[in-house]
PDB file of N, CA and C in Angstrom:
ATOM      1  N   MET A   1      40.407 140.566 119.118  1.00  0.00           N
ATOM      2  CA  MET A   1      41.682 141.028 119.607  1.00  0.00           C
ATOM      3  C   MET A   1      41.295 142.195 120.971  1.00  0.00           C
ATOM      4  N   ILE A   2      40.809 142.345 120.938  1.00  0.00           N
ATOM      5  CA  ILE A   2      39.830 142.980 122.580  1.00  0.00           C
ATOM      6  C   ILE A   2      40.279 142.097 123.688  1.00  0.00           C
ATOM      7  N   THR A   3      39.266 140.643 122.949  1.00  0.00           N
ATOM      8  CA  THR A   3      39.211 139.625 124.092  1.00  0.00           C
ATOM      9  C   THR A   3      40.934 139.225 124.389  1.00  0.00           C
ATOM     10  N   SER A   4      41.597 138.968 123.537  1.00  0.00           N
ATOM     11  CA  SER A   4      42.899 138.326 124.054  1.00  0.00           C
ATOM     12  C   SER A   4      43.811 139.255 124.754  1.00  0.00           C
ATOM     13  N   GLN A   5      43.585 140.919 124.379  1.00  0.00           N
ATOM     14  CA  GLN A   5      44.302 142.087 124.881  1.00  0.00           C
ATOM     15  C   GLN A   5      43.762 141.540 126.091  1.00  0.00           C
ATOM     16  N   ARG A   6      42.624 141.756 126.772  1.00  0.00           N
ATOM     17  CA  ARG A   6      41.893 141.686 128.361  1.00  0.00           C
ATOM     18  C   ARG A   6      42.695 140.353 129.038  1.00  0.00           C
ATOM     19  N   ARG A   7      42.521 139.007 128.459  1.00  0.00           N
ATOM     20  CA  ARG A   7      43.237 138.272 128.936  1.00  0.00           C
ATOM     21  C   ARG A   7      45.034 137.899 129.226  1.00  0.00           C
ATOM     22  N   LEU A   8      45.377 138.535 128.079  1.00  0.00           N
ATOM     23  CA  LEU A   8      46.934 139.405 128.631  1.00  0.00           C
ATOM     24  C   LEU A   8      46.987 139.543 129.438  1.00  0.00           C
ATOM     25  N   LYS A   9      46.426 141.270 129.516  1.00  0.00           N
ATOM     26  CA  LYS A   9      46.269 141.821 130.701  1.00  0.00           C
ATOM     27  C   LYS A   9      45.479 141.560 131.740  1.00  0.00           C
ATOM     28  N   SER A  10      45.085 140.270 131.926  1.00  0.00           N
ATOM     29  CA  SER A  10      44.842 139.755 133.230  1.00  0.00           C
ATOM     30  C   SER A  10      46.033 138.908 133.904  1.00  0.00           C
ATOM     31  N   TYR A  11      46.360 138.271 132.866  1.00  0.00           N
ATOM     32  CA  TYR A  11      47.826 137.182 133.503  1.00  0.00           C
ATOM     33  C   TYR A  11      48.757 138.372 133.903  1.00  0.00           C
ATOM     34  N   ALA A  12      49.017 139.844 133.351  1.00  0.00           N
ATOM     35  CA  ALA A  12      49.976 140.274 133.549  1.00  0.00           C
ATOM     36  C   ALA A  12      49.904 140.739 134.972  1.00  0.00           C
ATOM     37  N   ASN A  13      48.514 140.981 135.292  1.00  0.00           N
ATOM     38  CA  ASN A  13      48.525 141.716 136.178  1.00  0.00           C
ATOM     39  C   ASN A  13      48.249 140.990 137.464  1.00  0.00           C
ATOM     40  N   LEU A  14      48.133 139.697 137.499  1.00  0.00           N
ATOM     41  CA  LEU A  14      48.733 138.465 138.488  1.00  0.00           C
ATOM     42  C   LEU A  14      50.392 138.988 139.065  1.00  0.00           C
ATOM     43  N   LYS A  15      50.996 138.865 138.586  1.00  0.00           N
ATOM     44  CA  LYS A  15      52.398 139.233 138.454  1.00  0.00           C
ATOM     45  C   LYS A  15      53.228 139.784 139.230  1.00  0.00           C
ATOM     46  N   CYS A  16      52.428 141.340 138.701  1.00  0.00           N
ATOM     47  CA  CYS A  16      52.266 142.464 139.341  1.00  0.00           C
ATOM     48  C   CYS A  16      51.976 142.772 140.803  1.00  0.00           C
ATOM     49  N   ARG A  17      53.148 143.487 141.671  1.00  0.00           N
ATOM     50  CA  ARG A  17      52.825 143.860 143.330  1.00  0.00           C
ATOM     51  C   ARG A  17      53.730 144.606 143.534  1.00  0.00           C
ATOM     52  N   HIS A  18      52.554 145.424 144.479  1.00  0.00           N
ATOM     53  CA  HIS A  18      52.914 147.010 144.147  1.00  0.00           C
ATOM     54  C   HIS A  18      53.530 146.967 145.873  1.00  0.00           C
ATOM     55  N   VAL A  19      55.102 147.624 145.866  1.00  0.00           N
ATOM     56  CA  VAL A  19      56.035 146.880 147.165  1.00  0.00           C
ATOM     57  C   VAL A  19      55.859 148.753 147.513  1.00  0.00           C
ATOM     58  N   LYS A  20      55.692 148.845 148.290  1.00  0.00           N
ATOM     59  CA  LYS A  20      55.815 150.656 149.226  1.00  0.00           C
ATOM     60  C   LYS A  20      57.046 150.478 150.502  1.00  0.00           C
ATOM     61  N   PHE A  21      58.059 150.864 150.137  1.00  0.00           N
ATOM     62  CA  PHE A  21      59.372 151.129 151.080  1.00  0.00           C
ATOM     63  C   PHE A  21      59.577 152.336 152.080  1.00  0.00           C
ATOM     64  N   GLU A  22      59.743 151.715 153.247  1.00  0.00           N
ATOM     65  CA  GLU A  22      59.886 153.013 154.111  1.00  0.00           C
ATOM     66  C   GLU A  22      60.890 153.416 154.512  1.00  0.00           C
ATOM     67  N   VAL A  23      61.260 154.965 155.132  1.00  0.00           N
ATOM     68  CA  VAL A  23      62.376 155.137 155.150  1.00  0.00           C
ATOM     69  C   VAL A  23      63.215 153.980 156.680  1.00  0.00           C
ATOM     70  N   SER A  24      64.949 154.459 156.236  1.00  0.00           N
ATOM     71  CA  SER A  24      65.231 153.028 156.604  1.00  0.00           C
ATOM     72  C   SER A  24      65.348 151.357 156.717  1.00  0.00           C
ATOM     73  N   ASP A  25      64.329 151.238 155.388  1.00  0.00           N
ATOM     74  CA  ASP A  25      64.288 149.917 155.275  1.00  0.00           C
ATOM     75  C   ASP A  25      66.150 149.788 154.127  1.00  0.00           C
ATOM     76  N   HIS A  26      66.212 148.274 154.366  1.00  0.00           N
ATOM     77  CA  HIS A  26      67.246 147.843 153.059  1.00  0.00           C
ATOM     78  C   HIS A  26      66.576 147.451 152.127  1.00  0.00           C
ATOM     79  N   VAL A  27      67.357 148.265 151.256  1.00  0.00           N
ATOM     80  CA  VAL A  27      66.691 147.179 150.016  1.00  0.00           C
ATOM     81  C   VAL A  27      68.001 146.557 148.891  1.00  0.00           C
ATOM     82  N   TYR A  28      68.150 145.567 147.873  1.00  0.00           N
ATOM     83  CA  TYR A  28      68.794 145.151 147.057  1.00  0.00           C
ATOM     84  C   TYR A  28      68.015 145.919 145.836  1.00  0.00           C
ATOM     85  N   LEU A  29      69.546 146.099 145.010  1.00  0.00           N
ATOM     86  CA  LEU A  29      69.380 146.658 143.793  1.00  0.00           C
ATOM     87  C   LEU A  29      69.778 145.905 142.475  1.00  0.00           C
ATOM     88  N   CYS A  30      69.077 145.497 141.665  1.00  0.00           N
ATOM     89  CA  CYS A  30      69.224 145.223 140.360  1.00  0.00           C
ATOM     90  C   CYS A  30      70.082 145.759 139.594  1.00  0.00           C
ATOM     91  N   VAL A  31      71.165 145.071 139.318  1.00  0.00           N
ATOM     92  CA  VAL A  31      72.379 145.805 138.024  1.00  0.00           C
ATOM     93  C   VAL A  31      72.292 144.546 136.988  1.00  0.00           C
ATOM     94  N   ILE A  32      71.527 143.643 136.436  1.00  0.00           N
ATOM     95  CA  ILE A  32      71.629 142.542 135.078  1.00  0.00           C
ATOM     96  C   ILE A  32      71.656 144.097 134.108  1.00  0.00           C
ATOM     97  N   PRO A  33      72.881 143.373 133.726  1.00  0.00           N
ATOM     98  CA  PRO A  33      73.270 144.646 132.658  1.00  0.00           C
ATOM     99  C   PRO A  33      72.502 144.421 131.224  1.00  0.00           C
ATOM    100  N   GLN A  34      72.172 145.063 130.440  1.00  0.00           N
ATOM    101  CA  GLN A  34      71.472 144.895 129.235  1.00  0.00           C
ATOM    102  C   GLN A  34      72.100 144.109 128.039  1.00  0.00           C
ATOM    103  N   LYS A  35      71.143 143.520 127.237  1.00  0.00           N
ATOM    104  CA  LYS A  35      71.986 142.346 126.296  1.00  0.00           C
ATOM    105  C   LYS A  35      72.682 143.240 125.299  1.00  0.00           C
ATOM    106  N   GLY A  36      74.024 142.943 125.310  1.00  0.00           N
ATOM    107  CA  GLY A  36      74.954 143.341 124.096  1.00  0.00           C
ATOM    108  C   GLY A  36      75.622 144.517 125.045  1.00  0.00           C
ATOM    109  N   ILE A  37      75.716 144.809 126.215  1.00  0.00           N
ATOM    110  CA  ILE A  37      76.686 145.894 126.773  1.00  0.00           C
ATOM    111  C   ILE A  37      77.709 144.806 128.156  1.00  0.00           C
ATOM    112  N   SER A  38      78.446 144.890 128.051  1.00  0.00           N
ATOM    113  CA  SER A  38      79.875 144.274 128.630  1.00  0.00           C
ATOM    114  C   SER A  38      80.646 145.510 129.526  1.00  0.00           C
ATOM    115  N   VAL A  39      79.403 145.384 130.634  1.00  0.00           N
ATOM    116  CA  VAL A  39      79.884 146.344 131.758  1.00  0.00           C
ATOM    117  C   VAL A  39      81.080 145.478 132.858  1.00  0.00           C
ATOM    118  N   LYS A  40      81.664 146.098 133.294  1.00  0.00           N
ATOM    119  CA  LYS A  40      82.254 144.945 134.108  1.00  0.00           C
ATOM    120  C   LYS A  40      81.850 146.166 136.017  1.00  0.00           C
ATOM    121  N   ARG A  41      81.279 144.684 136.570  1.00  0.00           N
ATOM    122  CA  ARG A  41      81.201 145.495 137.824  1.00  0.00           C
ATOM    123  C   ARG A  41      80.986 144.742 139.265  1.00  0.00           C
ATOM    124  N   HIS A  42      81.922 144.965 139.955  1.00  0.00           N
ATOM    125  CA  HIS A  42      82.345 144.228 141.263  1.00  0.00           C
ATOM    126  C   HIS A  42      83.559 143.217 140.856  1.00  0.00           C
ATOM    127  N   GLY A  43      84.293 143.790 139.908  1.00  0.00           N
ATOM    128  CA  GLY A  43      85.487 142.548 140.095  1.00  0.00           C
ATOM    129  C   GLY A  43      84.552 141.625 138.643  1.00  0.00           C
ATOM    130  N   LYS A  44      83.610 141.559 138.175  1.00  0.00           N
ATOM    131  CA  LYS A  44      82.921 140.150 137.456  1.00  0.00           C
ATOM    132  C   LYS A  44      82.747 141.060 136.424  1.00  0.00           C
ATOM    133  N   LYS A  45      82.888 140.295 135.113  1.00  0.00           N
ATOM    134  CA  LYS A  45      82.156 141.268 133.198  1.00  0.00           C
ATOM    135  C   LYS A  45      81.100 139.394 133.026  1.00  0.00           C
ATOM    136  N   GLY A  46      80.238 139.946 132.480  1.00  0.00           N
ATOM    137  CA  GLY A  46      79.530 139.316 131.928  1.00  0.00           C
ATOM    138  C   GLY A  46      78.036 138.492 132.896  1.00  0.00           C
ATOM    139  N   LYS A  47      78.351 136.587 132.037  1.00  0.00           N
ATOM    140  CA  LYS A  47      77.837 136.467 133.035  1.00  0.00           C
ATOM    141  C   LYS A  47      78.002 135.995 134.589  1.00  0.00           C
ATOM    142  N   LEU A  48      79.285 136.374 134.855  1.00  0.00           N
ATOM    143  CA  LEU A  48      79.565 136.520 136.035  1.00  0.00           C
ATOM    144  C   LEU A  48      79.273 137.289 137.165  1.00  0.00           C
ATOM    145  N   SER A  49      79.049 138.537 136.643  1.00  0.00           N
ATOM    146  CA  SER A  49      78.511 139.403 137.355  1.00  0.00           C
ATOM    147  C   SER A  49      77.816 139.081 138.295  1.00  0.00           C
ATOM    148  N   PRO A  50      77.262 139.816 139.036  1.00  0.00           N
ATOM    149  CA  PRO A  50      76.374 140.213 140.375  1.00  0.00           C
ATOM    150  C   PRO A  50      74.994 140.317 139.432  1.00  0.00           C
ATOM    151  N   ARG A  51      73.837 140.083 140.233  1.00  0.00           N
ATOM    152  CA  ARG A  51      72.442 140.503 139.526  1.00  0.00           C
ATOM    153  C   ARG A  51      71.695 141.204 140.517  1.00  0.00           C
ATOM    154  N   TYR A  52      72.175 141.366 142.053  1.00  0.00           N
ATOM    155  CA  TYR A  52      71.888 142.479 142.388  1.00  0.00           C
ATOM    156  C   TYR A  52      72.917 142.994 144.038  1.00  0.00           C
ATOM    157  N   VAL A  53      72.382 143.725 143.727  1.00  0.00           N
ATOM    158  CA  VAL A  53      73.930 144.297 144.592  1.00  0.00           C
ATOM    159  C   VAL A  53      73.159 144.871 146.203  1.00  0.00           C
ATOM    160  N   GLY A  54      74.057 145.389 146.883  1.00  0.00           N
ATOM    161  CA  GLY A  54      73.207 145.812 148.089  1.00  0.00           C
ATOM    162  C   GLY A  54      73.260 145.364 149.712  1.00  0.00           C
ATOM    163  N   PRO A  55      73.223 145.209 150.886  1.00  0.00           N
ATOM    164  CA  PRO A  55      72.093 145.901 150.985  1.00  0.00           C
ATOM    165  C   PRO A  55      72.134 147.602 151.120  1.00  0.00           C
ATOM    166  N   PHE A  56      71.339 148.374 150.360  1.00  0.00           N
ATOM    167  CA  PHE A  56      71.229 149.749 150.600  1.00  0.00           C
ATOM    168  C   PHE A  56      70.347 150.443 151.236  1.00  0.00           C
ATOM    169  N   GLU A  57      70.406 151.318 151.983  1.00  0.00           N
ATOM    170  CA  GLU A  57      69.622 152.130 153.316  1.00  0.00           C
ATOM    171  C   GLU A  57      68.770 153.000 152.338  1.00  0.00           C
ATOM    172  N   ILE A  58      67.485 153.311 152.437  1.00  0.00           N
ATOM    173  CA  ILE A  58      66.617 154.193 151.773  1.00  0.00           C
ATOM    174  C   ILE A  58      66.887 155.569 152.571  1.00  0.00           C
ATOM    175  N   LEU A  59      66.917 157.026 151.863  1.00  0.00           N
ATOM    176  CA  LEU A  59      67.152 157.493 153.214  1.00  0.00           C
ATOM    177  C   LEU A  59      66.597 158.704 153.196  1.00  0.00           C
ATOM    178  N   ASP A  60      65.143 158.701 152.124  1.00  0.00           N
ATOM    179  CA  ASP A  60      64.253 159.046 151.701  1.00  0.00           C
ATOM    180  C   ASP A  60      63.214 158.928 150.457  1.00  0.00           C
ATOM    181  N   ARG A  61      61.767 159.551 150.574  1.00  0.00           N
ATOM    182  CA  ARG A  61      60.886 158.932 149.571  1.00  0.00           C
ATOM    183  C   ARG A  61      60.710 160.285 148.943  1.00  0.00           C
ATOM    184  N   VAL A  62      61.563 160.116 147.163  1.00  0.00           N
ATOM    185  CA  VAL A  62      60.960 161.063 146.679  1.00  0.00           C
ATOM    186  C   VAL A  62      59.894 160.967 146.064  1.00  0.00           C
ATOM    187  N   GLY A  63      59.531 160.284 145.811  1.00  0.00           N
ATOM    188  CA  GLY A  63      57.508 160.515 144.741  1.00  0.00           C
ATOM    189  C   GLY A  63      57.201 159.000 144.986  1.00  0.00           C
ATOM    190  N   SER A  64      56.197 158.309 144.143  1.00  0.00           N
ATOM    191  CA  SER A  64      55.624 157.383 144.549  1.00  0.00           C
ATOM    192  C   SER A  64      56.149 156.050 144.274  1.00  0.00           C
ATOM    193  N   VAL A  65      57.219 156.178 143.327  1.00  0.00           N
ATOM    194  CA  VAL A  65      58.033 154.498 143.170  1.00  0.00           C
ATOM    195  C   VAL A  65      59.731 155.163 142.989  1.00  0.00           C
ATOM    196  N   ALA A  66      59.486 156.536 143.439  1.00  0.00           N
ATOM    197  CA  ALA A  66      61.315 156.743 143.368  1.00  0.00           C
ATOM    198  C   ALA A  66      61.780 157.204 144.789  1.00  0.00           C
ATOM    199  N   TYR A  67      63.222 156.698 144.997  1.00  0.00           N
ATOM    200  CA  TYR A  67      63.763 156.786 146.585  1.00  0.00           C
ATOM    201  C   TYR A  67      64.791 156.879 146.879  1.00  0.00           C
ATOM    202  N   LYS A  68      65.475 157.778 147.621  1.00  0.00           N
ATOM    203  CA  LYS A  68      67.108 158.143 147.742  1.00  0.00           C
ATOM    204  C   LYS A  68      67.814 157.054 148.387  1.00  0.00           C
ATOM    205  N   GLU A  69      68.501 156.768 147.927  1.00  0.00           N
ATOM    206  CA  GLU A  69      68.892 155.863 148.621  1.00  0.00           C
ATOM    207  C   GLU A  69      71.063 155.863 148.837  1.00  0.00           C
ATOM    208  N   ASP A  70      71.650 155.087 150.146  1.00  0.00           N
ATOM    209  CA  ASP A  70      72.759 155.456 150.224  1.00  0.00           C
ATOM    210  C   ASP A  70      73.624 154.760 149.233  1.00  0.00           C
ATOM    211  N   LEU A  71      74.290 154.960 148.368  1.00  0.00           N
ATOM    212  CA  LEU A  71      75.010 154.198 147.404  1.00  0.00           C
ATOM    213  C   LEU A  71      76.426 153.822 147.374  1.00  0.00           C
ATOM    214  N   SER A  72      76.522 153.896 148.525  1.00  0.00           N
ATOM    215  CA  SER A  72      78.501 153.737 149.074  1.00  0.00           C
ATOM    216  C   SER A  72      78.567 152.168 149.245  1.00  0.00           C
ATOM    217  N   PHE A  73      79.621 151.935 148.096  1.00  0.00           N
ATOM    218  CA  PHE A  73      80.121 150.346 148.510  1.00  0.00           C
ATOM    219  C   PHE A  73      81.262 150.502 148.670  1.00  0.00           C
ATOM    220  N   ASP A  74      81.910 150.346 150.178  1.00  0.00           N
ATOM    221  CA  ASP A  74      83.207 150.425 150.730  1.00  0.00           C
ATOM    222  C   ASP A  74      83.450 149.278 150.776  1.00  0.00           C
ATOM    223  N   GLU A  75      84.546 148.852 149.529  1.00  0.00           N
ATOM    224  CA  GLU A  75      85.268 147.636 148.860  1.00  0.00           C
ATOM    225  C   GLU A  75      86.691 147.550 149.806  1.00  0.00           C
ATOM    226  N   SER A  76      87.143 147.028 150.968  1.00  0.00           N
ATOM    227  CA  SER A  76      88.826 147.352 151.154  1.00  0.00           C
ATOM    228  C   SER A  76      89.469 145.950 151.165  1.00  0.00           C
ATOM    229  N   LEU A  77      90.633 146.069 150.709  1.00  0.00           N
ATOM    230  CA  LEU A  77      91.350 145.070 150.851  1.00  0.00           C
ATOM    231  C   LEU A  77      91.909 145.216 152.225  1.00  0.00           C
ATOM    232  N   VAL A  78      92.290 142.922 152.619  1.00  0.00           N
ATOM    233  CA  VAL A  78      92.008 142.264 153.945  1.00  0.00           C
ATOM    234  C   VAL A  78      93.692 141.706 153.511  1.00  0.00           C
ATOM    235  N   LYS A  79      93.762 141.419 152.663  1.00  0.00           N
ATOM    236  CA  LYS A  79      94.894 140.618 152.601  1.00  0.00           C
ATOM    237  C   LYS A  79      95.192 140.172 151.177  1.00  0.00           C
ATOM    238  N   ILE A  80      96.848 140.662 150.501  1.00  0.00           N
ATOM    239  CA  ILE A  80      97.046 139.958 149.093  1.00  0.00           C
ATOM    240  C   ILE A  80      97.306 137.973 149.320  1.00  0.00           C
ATOM    241  N   LEU A  81      96.480 137.229 148.839  1.00  0.00           N
ATOM    242  CA  LEU A  81      96.615 135.995 148.528  1.00  0.00           C
ATOM    243  C   LEU A  81      98.127 135.460 147.878  1.00  0.00           C
ATOM    244  N   ASP A  82      98.120 135.859 146.584  1.00  0.00           N
ATOM    245  CA  ASP A  82      98.998 134.607 145.730  1.00  0.00           C
ATOM    246  C   ASP A  82      99.292 136.400 144.430  1.00  0.00           C
ATOM    247  N   ARG A  83     100.557 135.868 143.746  1.00  0.00           N
ATOM    248  CA  ARG A  83     101.237 136.710 142.784  1.00  0.00           C
ATOM    249  C   ARG A  83     101.337 135.816 142.020  1.00  0.00           C
ATOM    250  N   LYS A  84     101.508 136.458 140.843  1.00  0.00           N
ATOM    251  CA  LYS A  84     102.289 135.493 139.277  1.00  0.00           C
ATOM    252  C   LYS A  84     101.752 137.258 138.018  1.00  0.00           C
ATOM    253  N   ASP A  85     102.800 136.441 137.447  1.00  0.00           N
ATOM    254  CA  ASP A  85     103.376 136.951 136.329  1.00  0.00           C
ATOM    255  C   ASP A  85     102.396 136.314 135.171  1.00  0.00           C
ATOM    256  N   LYS A  86     101.444 137.367 134.250  1.00  0.00           N
ATOM    257  CA  LYS A  86     100.598 137.015 132.846  1.00  0.00           C
ATOM    258  C   LYS A  86     101.609 137.191 131.593  1.00  0.00           C
ATOM    259  N   VAL A  87     102.447 136.610 131.555  1.00  0.00           N
ATOM    260  CA  VAL A  87     103.305 136.710 129.945  1.00  0.00           C
ATOM    261  C   VAL A  87     102.492 136.988 128.797  1.00  0.00           C
ATOM    262  N   LEU A  88     102.652 138.462 128.377  1.00  0.00           N
ATOM    263  CA  LEU A  88     102.227 138.324 126.444  1.00  0.00           C
ATOM    264  C   LEU A  88     103.072 138.398 125.572  1.00  0.00           C
ATOM    265  N   ARG A  89     102.827 138.725 124.337  1.00  0.00           N
ATOM    266  CA  ARG A  89     104.015 138.672 123.478  1.00  0.00           C
ATOM    267  C   ARG A  89     105.102 139.479 123.940  1.00  0.00           C
ATOM    268  N   ASN A  90     104.633 140.945 124.303  1.00  0.00           N
ATOM    269  CA  ASN A  90     105.528 141.872 124.289  1.00  0.00           C
ATOM    270  C   ASN A  90     105.768 142.476 125.535  1.00  0.00           C
ATOM    271  N   LYS A  91     105.326 142.029 126.795  1.00  0.00           N
ATOM    272  CA  LYS A  91     105.530 142.576 128.166  1.00  0.00           C
ATOM    273  C   LYS A  91     104.404 141.550 129.266  1.00  0.00           C
ATOM    274  N   ILE A  92     105.430 141.901 130.300  1.00  0.00           N
ATOM    275  CA  ILE A  92     104.726 140.768 131.302  1.00  0.00           C
ATOM    276  C   ILE A  92     103.917 141.786 132.762  1.00  0.00           C
ATOM    277  N   ILE A  93     102.984 141.246 132.806  1.00  0.00           N
ATOM    278  CA  ILE A  93     102.006 141.921 133.097  1.00  0.00           C
ATOM    279  C   ILE A  93     102.000 141.158 134.388  1.00  0.00           C
ATOM    280  N   SER A  94     102.491 141.658 136.453  1.00  0.00           N
ATOM    281  CA  SER A  94     101.979 141.502 137.520  1.00  0.00           C
ATOM    282  C   SER A  94     101.028 141.514 137.890  1.00  0.00           C
ATOM    283  N   LEU A  95     100.069 140.112 138.581  1.00  0.00           N
ATOM    284  CA  LEU A  95      99.084 140.167 138.910  1.00  0.00           C
ATOM    285  C   LEU A  95      99.290 139.730 140.530  1.00  0.00           C
ATOM    286  N   VAL A  96      97.768 140.161 141.295  1.00  0.00           N
ATOM    287  CA  VAL A  96      98.178 139.504 142.672  1.00  0.00           C
ATOM    288  C   VAL A  96      96.484 139.169 142.731  1.00  0.00           C
ATOM    289  N   LYS A  97      96.314 138.396 143.679  1.00  0.00           N
ATOM    290  CA  LYS A  97      94.948 137.780 144.091  1.00  0.00           C
ATOM    291  C   LYS A  97      94.572 138.035 145.382  1.00  0.00           C
ATOM    292  N   VAL A  98      93.638 139.348 145.727  1.00  0.00           N
ATOM    293  CA  VAL A  98      93.237 139.697 146.504  1.00  0.00           C
ATOM    294  C   VAL A  98      91.980 139.646 147.058  1.00  0.00           C
ATOM    295  N   LEU A  99      92.030 139.407 148.540  1.00  0.00           N
ATOM    296  CA  LEU A  99      90.840 138.738 149.129  1.00  0.00           C
ATOM    297  C   LEU A  99      90.566 140.289 149.842  1.00  0.00           C
ATOM    298  N   TRP A 100      88.939 140.488 149.533  1.00  0.00           N
ATOM    299  CA  TRP A 100      88.210 141.603 149.872  1.00  0.00           C
ATOM    300  C   TRP A 100      87.629 141.829 151.013  1.00  0.00           C
ATOM    301  N   ARG A 101      87.313 142.609 152.356  1.00  0.00           N
ATOM    302  CA  ARG A 101      86.428 142.562 153.100  1.00  0.00           C
ATOM    303  C   ARG A 101      84.908 142.188 152.722  1.00  0.00           C
ATOM    304  N   ASN A 102      83.976 141.342 153.432  1.00  0.00           N
ATOM    305  CA  ASN A 102      82.958 141.117 153.430  1.00  0.00           C
ATOM    306  C   ASN A 102      82.770 139.503 152.347  1.00  0.00           C
ATOM    307  N   ASN A 103      84.016 139.218 152.096  1.00  0.00           N
ATOM    308  CA  ASN A 103      84.314 138.150 150.751  1.00  0.00           C
ATOM    309  C   ASN A 103      84.625 137.013 151.660  1.00  0.00           C
ATOM    310  N   ALA A 104      84.370 135.732 150.698  1.00  0.00           N
ATOM    311  CA  ALA A 104      84.925 134.702 150.906  1.00  0.00           C
ATOM    312  C   ALA A 104      86.158 134.313 150.247  1.00  0.00           C
ATOM    313  N   VAL A 105      86.978 133.035 150.877  1.00  0.00           N
ATOM    314  CA  VAL A 105      88.384 133.244 149.978  1.00  0.00           C
ATOM    315  C   VAL A 105      88.161 132.682 148.476  1.00  0.00           C
ATOM    316  N   GLU A 106      86.636 132.213 148.174  1.00  0.00           N
ATOM    317  CA  GLU A 106      86.891 131.597 146.721  1.00  0.00           C
ATOM    318  C   GLU A 106      86.273 133.176 145.913  1.00  0.00           C
ATOM    319  N   GLU A 107      85.848 133.887 146.961  1.00  0.00           N
ATOM    320  CA  GLU A 107      85.406 135.231 146.010  1.00  0.00           C
ATOM    321  C   GLU A 107      86.609 136.097 145.785  1.00  0.00           C
ATOM    322  N   ALA A 108      88.046 135.627 146.013  1.00  0.00           N
ATOM    323  CA  ALA A 108      89.126 136.677 145.683  1.00  0.00           C
ATOM    324  C   ALA A 108      89.088 136.881 144.505  1.00  0.00           C
ATOM    325  N   THR A 109      89.780 138.132 144.225  1.00  0.00           N
ATOM    326  CA  THR A 109      89.765 138.168 142.626  1.00  0.00           C
ATOM    327  C   THR A 109      91.648 138.752 141.999  1.00  0.00           C
ATOM    328  N   TRP A 110      91.862 138.129 140.968  1.00  0.00           N
ATOM    329  CA  TRP A 110      93.018 139.030 140.019  1.00  0.00           C
ATOM    330  C   TRP A 110      93.127 140.001 139.646  1.00  0.00           C
ATOM    331  N   GLU A 111      93.712 140.915 140.442  1.00  0.00           N
ATOM    332  CA  GLU A 111      93.930 142.187 140.318  1.00  0.00           C
ATOM    333  C   GLU A 111      95.155 143.257 139.582  1.00  0.00           C
ATOM    334  N   LEU A 112      95.065 143.885 138.803  1.00  0.00           N
ATOM    335  CA  LEU A 112      96.758 145.060 138.140  1.00  0.00           C
ATOM    336  C   LEU A 112      97.515 145.069 139.707  1.00  0.00           C
ATOM    337  N   GLU A 113      98.590 144.604 139.725  1.00  0.00           N
ATOM    338  CA  GLU A 113      99.721 144.781 141.449  1.00  0.00           C
ATOM    339  C   GLU A 113      99.958 146.356 140.452  1.00  0.00           C
ATOM    340  N   SER A 114     100.109 146.946 139.597  1.00  0.00           N
ATOM    341  CA  SER A 114     100.331 148.660 139.453  1.00  0.00           C
ATOM    342  C   SER A 114      98.909 149.051 140.186  1.00  0.00           C
ATOM    343  N   ASP A 115      97.519 148.909 139.685  1.00  0.00           N
ATOM    344  CA  ASP A 115      96.569 149.247 140.286  1.00  0.00           C
ATOM    345  C   ASP A 115      96.762 149.333 141.850  1.00  0.00           C
ATOM    346  N   LEU A 116      96.928 148.457 142.651  1.00  0.00           N
ATOM    347  CA  LEU A 116      96.812 148.516 143.845  1.00  0.00           C
ATOM    348  C   LEU A 116      97.695 148.898 144.627  1.00  0.00           C
ATOM    349  N   GLN A 117      99.449 148.884 143.727  1.00  0.00           N
ATOM    350  CA  GLN A 117     100.216 149.824 144.596  1.00  0.00           C
ATOM    351  C   GLN A 117     100.019 151.358 144.312  1.00  0.00           C
ATOM    352  N   TRP A 118      99.038 151.787 143.946  1.00  0.00           N
ATOM    353  CA  TRP A 118      98.832 153.255 143.642  1.00  0.00           C
ATOM    354  C   TRP A 118      97.556 153.264 144.751  1.00  0.00           C
ATOM    355  N   GLN A 119      96.794 152.615 145.145  1.00  0.00           N
ATOM    356  CA  GLN A 119      95.771 152.635 145.758  1.00  0.00           C
ATOM    357  C   GLN A 119      95.934 152.014 147.158  1.00  0.00           C
ATOM    358  N   TYR A 120      96.613 151.368 147.212  1.00  0.00           N
ATOM    359  CA  TYR A 120      97.726 150.869 148.926  1.00  0.00           C
ATOM    360  C   TYR A 120      99.196 150.494 148.696  1.00  0.00           C
ATOM    361  N   PRO A 121      99.450 151.892 149.646  1.00  0.00           N
ATOM    362  CA  PRO A 121     101.041 151.810 148.949  1.00  0.00           C
ATOM    363  C   PRO A 121     101.369 151.513 150.075  1.00  0.00           C
ATOM    364  N   GLU A 122     100.937 151.306 151.412  1.00  0.00           N
ATOM    365  CA  GLU A 122     101.651 150.759 152.573  1.00  0.00           C
ATOM    366  C   GLU A 122     101.495 149.344 152.487  1.00  0.00           C
ATOM    367  N   LEU A 123     100.832 148.651 151.625  1.00  0.00           N
ATOM    368  CA  LEU A 123     100.849 147.341 151.167  1.00  0.00           C
ATOM    369  C   LEU A 123     102.289 146.445 150.366  1.00  0.00           C
ATOM    370  N   PHE A 124     102.558 147.423 149.659  1.00  0.00           N
ATOM    371  CA  PHE A 124     103.910 147.504 149.076  1.00  0.00           C
ATOM    372  C   PHE A 124     105.001 148.116 149.216  1.00  0.00           C
ATOM    373  N   GLU A 125     105.615 148.098 150.774  1.00  0.00           N
ATOM    374  CA  GLU A 125     106.575 148.616 151.092  1.00  0.00           C
ATOM    375  C   GLU A 125     107.597 147.225 151.539  1.00  0.00           C
TER     376      GLU A 125
END
């Protein structure tokens, strides 16, 4: 049993790499959701949600493997590409296809028109 534990430990150590980051380096953060948790991140849900987000700048080193990062993620609306009404049993929901800054047209998302009217009232005047 000890021999097999040592063998497995040697295999695991081959894949382990120790990375140290310096202040002002840029890193991507892993945001893969745990199994069974459906969290909506960056407009996508489930299998289509991104695995990594970033790059974020490291502001300070707190410990040997702990860092402070600037986690602000500014996503601003560029323009509205399309509109449609989704008909449910007893109500109609207005949706708009939105192009976001730093994204391609293929990554445009459908958002609720009521939410965007509240956030961007100047676009709906």
